[in-house]
């Protein structure tokens, strides 16, 4: 998978909170800050208290190429939870 050795996970990253339009933990924002790799192999997205995004009942985009994106307008009468991410990088 990785030409130079084993893939490693970043630390947990959380730059946004769900105020405003939602919670946007995007790859581009972490790339700009030097906290992620350009082409992650995988992504884990969970709430700050450790609940995986797919178990929250919220409509959340979880994609290594984009990050973890929760838009308040896409939720059923509730605001997005606060999410954090980590990326698997070579």
C-alpha atoms as a PDB file:
ATOM      1  CA  UNK A   1       0.000   0.000   0.000  1.00  0.00           C
ATOM      2  CA  UNK A   2       2.639   2.515   0.995  1.00  0.00           C
ATOM      3  CA  UNK A   3       5.814   2.622  -1.085  1.00  0.00           C
ATOM      4  CA  UNK A   4       8.038   3.665   1.833  1.00  0.00           C
ATOM      5  CA  UNK A   5       6.684   1.568   4.693  1.00  0.00           C
ATOM      6  CA  UNK A   6       3.633   1.269   6.890  1.00  0.00           C
ATOM      7  CA  UNK A   7       0.700   3.624   6.900  1.00  0.00           C
ATOM      8  CA  UNK A   8       0.172   5.589  10.115  1.00  0.00           C
ATOM      9  CA  UNK A   9      -2.830   7.365  11.601  1.00  0.00           C
ATOM     10  CA  UNK A  10      -2.701  11.068  12.375  1.00  0.00           C
ATOM     11  CA  UNK A  11      -3.715  12.197  15.830  1.00  0.00           C
ATOM     12  CA  UNK A  12      -7.359  13.146  16.341  1.00  0.00           C
ATOM     13  CA  UNK A  13      -8.068  16.467  14.612  1.00  0.00           C
ATOM     14  CA  UNK A  14     -10.899  18.916  15.334  1.00  0.00           C
ATOM     15  CA  UNK A  15     -10.808  22.411  13.833  1.00  0.00           C
ATOM     16  CA  UNK A  16     -14.483  23.314  13.548  1.00  0.00           C
ATOM     17  CA  UNK A  17     -17.558  23.238  15.739  1.00  0.00           C
ATOM     18  CA  UNK A  18     -21.167  22.795  14.645  1.00  0.00           C
ATOM     19  CA  UNK A  19     -22.161  26.446  15.012  1.00  0.00           C
ATOM     20  CA  UNK A  20     -23.127  28.264  11.840  1.00  0.00           C
ATOM     21  CA  UNK A  21     -23.849  25.960   8.887  1.00  0.00           C
ATOM     22  CA  UNK A  22     -22.486  22.730  10.382  1.00  0.00           C
ATOM     23  CA  UNK A  23     -19.276  20.936  11.329  1.00  0.00           C
ATOM     24  CA  UNK A  24     -16.640  20.863   8.589  1.00  0.00           C
ATOM     25  CA  UNK A  25     -13.553  18.753   9.327  1.00  0.00           C
ATOM     26  CA  UNK A  26     -12.163  18.935   5.788  1.00  0.00           C
ATOM     27  CA  UNK A  27      -9.001  17.412   4.402  1.00  0.00           C
ATOM     28  CA  UNK A  28      -8.055  20.716   2.735  1.00  0.00           C
ATOM     29  CA  UNK A  29      -8.127  22.597   6.038  1.00  0.00           C
ATOM     30  CA  UNK A  30      -5.876  20.030   7.704  1.00  0.00           C
ATOM     31  CA  UNK A  31      -3.563  19.956   4.667  1.00  0.00           C
ATOM     32  CA  UNK A  32      -3.173  23.740   4.884  1.00  0.00           C
ATOM     33  CA  UNK A  33      -2.204  23.373   8.537  1.00  0.00           C
ATOM     34  CA  UNK A  34       0.271  20.563   7.768  1.00  0.00           C
ATOM     35  CA  UNK A  35      -1.719  18.045   9.820  1.00  0.00           C
ATOM     36  CA  UNK A  36      -2.743  15.558   7.107  1.00  0.00           C
ATOM     37  CA  UNK A  37      -1.413  13.925   3.957  1.00  0.00           C
ATOM     38  CA  UNK A  38      -2.481  14.777   0.416  1.00  0.00           C
ATOM     39  CA  UNK A  39      -4.009  11.377  -0.398  1.00  0.00           C
ATOM     40  CA  UNK A  40      -5.210   9.610   2.767  1.00  0.00           C
ATOM     41  CA  UNK A  41      -5.877   5.896   2.518  1.00  0.00           C
ATOM     42  CA  UNK A  42      -8.702   6.014   5.050  1.00  0.00           C
ATOM     43  CA  UNK A  43     -10.523   8.275   7.485  1.00  0.00           C
ATOM     44  CA  UNK A  44     -12.220   7.796  10.846  1.00  0.00           C
ATOM     45  CA  UNK A  45     -14.895  10.293  11.862  1.00  0.00           C
ATOM     46  CA  UNK A  46     -16.515  10.307  15.286  1.00  0.00           C
ATOM     47  CA  UNK A  47     -18.069  12.686  17.791  1.00  0.00           C
ATOM     48  CA  UNK A  48     -15.829  14.219  20.437  1.00  0.00           C
ATOM     49  CA  UNK A  49     -17.137  11.638  22.907  1.00  0.00           C
ATOM     50  CA  UNK A  50     -16.233   8.717  20.630  1.00  0.00           C
ATOM     51  CA  UNK A  51     -19.458   7.808  18.806  1.00  0.00           C
ATOM     52  CA  UNK A  52     -18.723   6.793  15.178  1.00  0.00           C
ATOM     53  CA  UNK A  53     -20.413   9.094  12.641  1.00  0.00           C
ATOM     54  CA  UNK A  54     -22.392   6.203  11.150  1.00  0.00           C
ATOM     55  CA  UNK A  55     -23.968   5.513  14.555  1.00  0.00           C
ATOM     56  CA  UNK A  56     -25.175   9.059  15.300  1.00  0.00           C
ATOM     57  CA  UNK A  57     -28.263   9.026  13.087  1.00  0.00           C
ATOM     58  CA  UNK A  58     -26.982  12.160  11.366  1.00  0.00           C
ATOM     59  CA  UNK A  59     -26.382  12.624   7.651  1.00  0.00           C
ATOM     60  CA  UNK A  60     -22.583  12.975   7.547  1.00  0.00           C
ATOM     61  CA  UNK A  61     -20.200  12.761   4.594  1.00  0.00           C
ATOM     62  CA  UNK A  62     -17.228  10.592   5.577  1.00  0.00           C
ATOM     63  CA  UNK A  63     -14.746  10.421   2.711  1.00  0.00           C
ATOM     64  CA  UNK A  64     -10.929  10.326   2.909  1.00  0.00           C
ATOM     65  CA  UNK A  65     -10.692  12.685  -0.087  1.00  0.00           C
ATOM     66  CA  UNK A  66     -13.015  15.263   1.533  1.00  0.00           C
ATOM     67  CA  UNK A  67     -12.965  14.696   5.280  1.00  0.00           C
ATOM     68  CA  UNK A  68     -15.940  14.610   7.628  1.00  0.00           C
ATOM     69  CA  UNK A  69     -18.703  17.045   6.733  1.00  0.00           C
ATOM     70  CA  UNK A  70     -21.974  17.570   8.572  1.00  0.00           C
ATOM     71  CA  UNK A  71     -24.355  20.251   7.272  1.00  0.00           C
ATOM     72  CA  UNK A  72     -26.965  21.472   9.762  1.00  0.00           C
ATOM     73  CA  UNK A  73     -29.584  21.901   7.007  1.00  0.00           C
ATOM     74  CA  UNK A  74     -29.300  18.167   6.159  1.00  0.00           C
ATOM     75  CA  UNK A  75     -30.274  17.041   9.666  1.00  0.00           C
ATOM     76  CA  UNK A  76     -33.765  16.288  10.956  1.00  0.00           C
ATOM     77  CA  UNK A  77     -34.596  19.314  13.126  1.00  0.00           C
ATOM     78  CA  UNK A  78     -31.275  19.251  14.959  1.00  0.00           C
ATOM     79  CA  UNK A  79     -27.827  20.741  14.663  1.00  0.00           C
ATOM     80  CA  UNK A  80     -24.785  18.664  13.802  1.00  0.00           C
ATOM     81  CA  UNK A  81     -22.807  17.131  16.605  1.00  0.00           C
ATOM     82  CA  UNK A  82     -19.150  18.113  17.064  1.00  0.00           C
ATOM     83  CA  UNK A  83     -16.953  15.684  15.111  1.00  0.00           C
ATOM     84  CA  UNK A  84     -13.255  14.866  15.018  1.00  0.00           C
ATOM     85  CA  UNK A  85     -11.240  12.973  12.423  1.00  0.00           C
ATOM     86  CA  UNK A  86      -8.040  11.085  11.884  1.00  0.00           C
ATOM     87  CA  UNK A  87      -6.483  10.182   8.540  1.00  0.00           C
ATOM     88  CA  UNK A  88      -4.471   7.111   7.533  1.00  0.00           C
ATOM     89  CA  UNK A  89      -1.375   8.326   5.708  1.00  0.00           C
ATOM     90  CA  UNK A  90       1.685   6.819   4.063  1.00  0.00           C
END
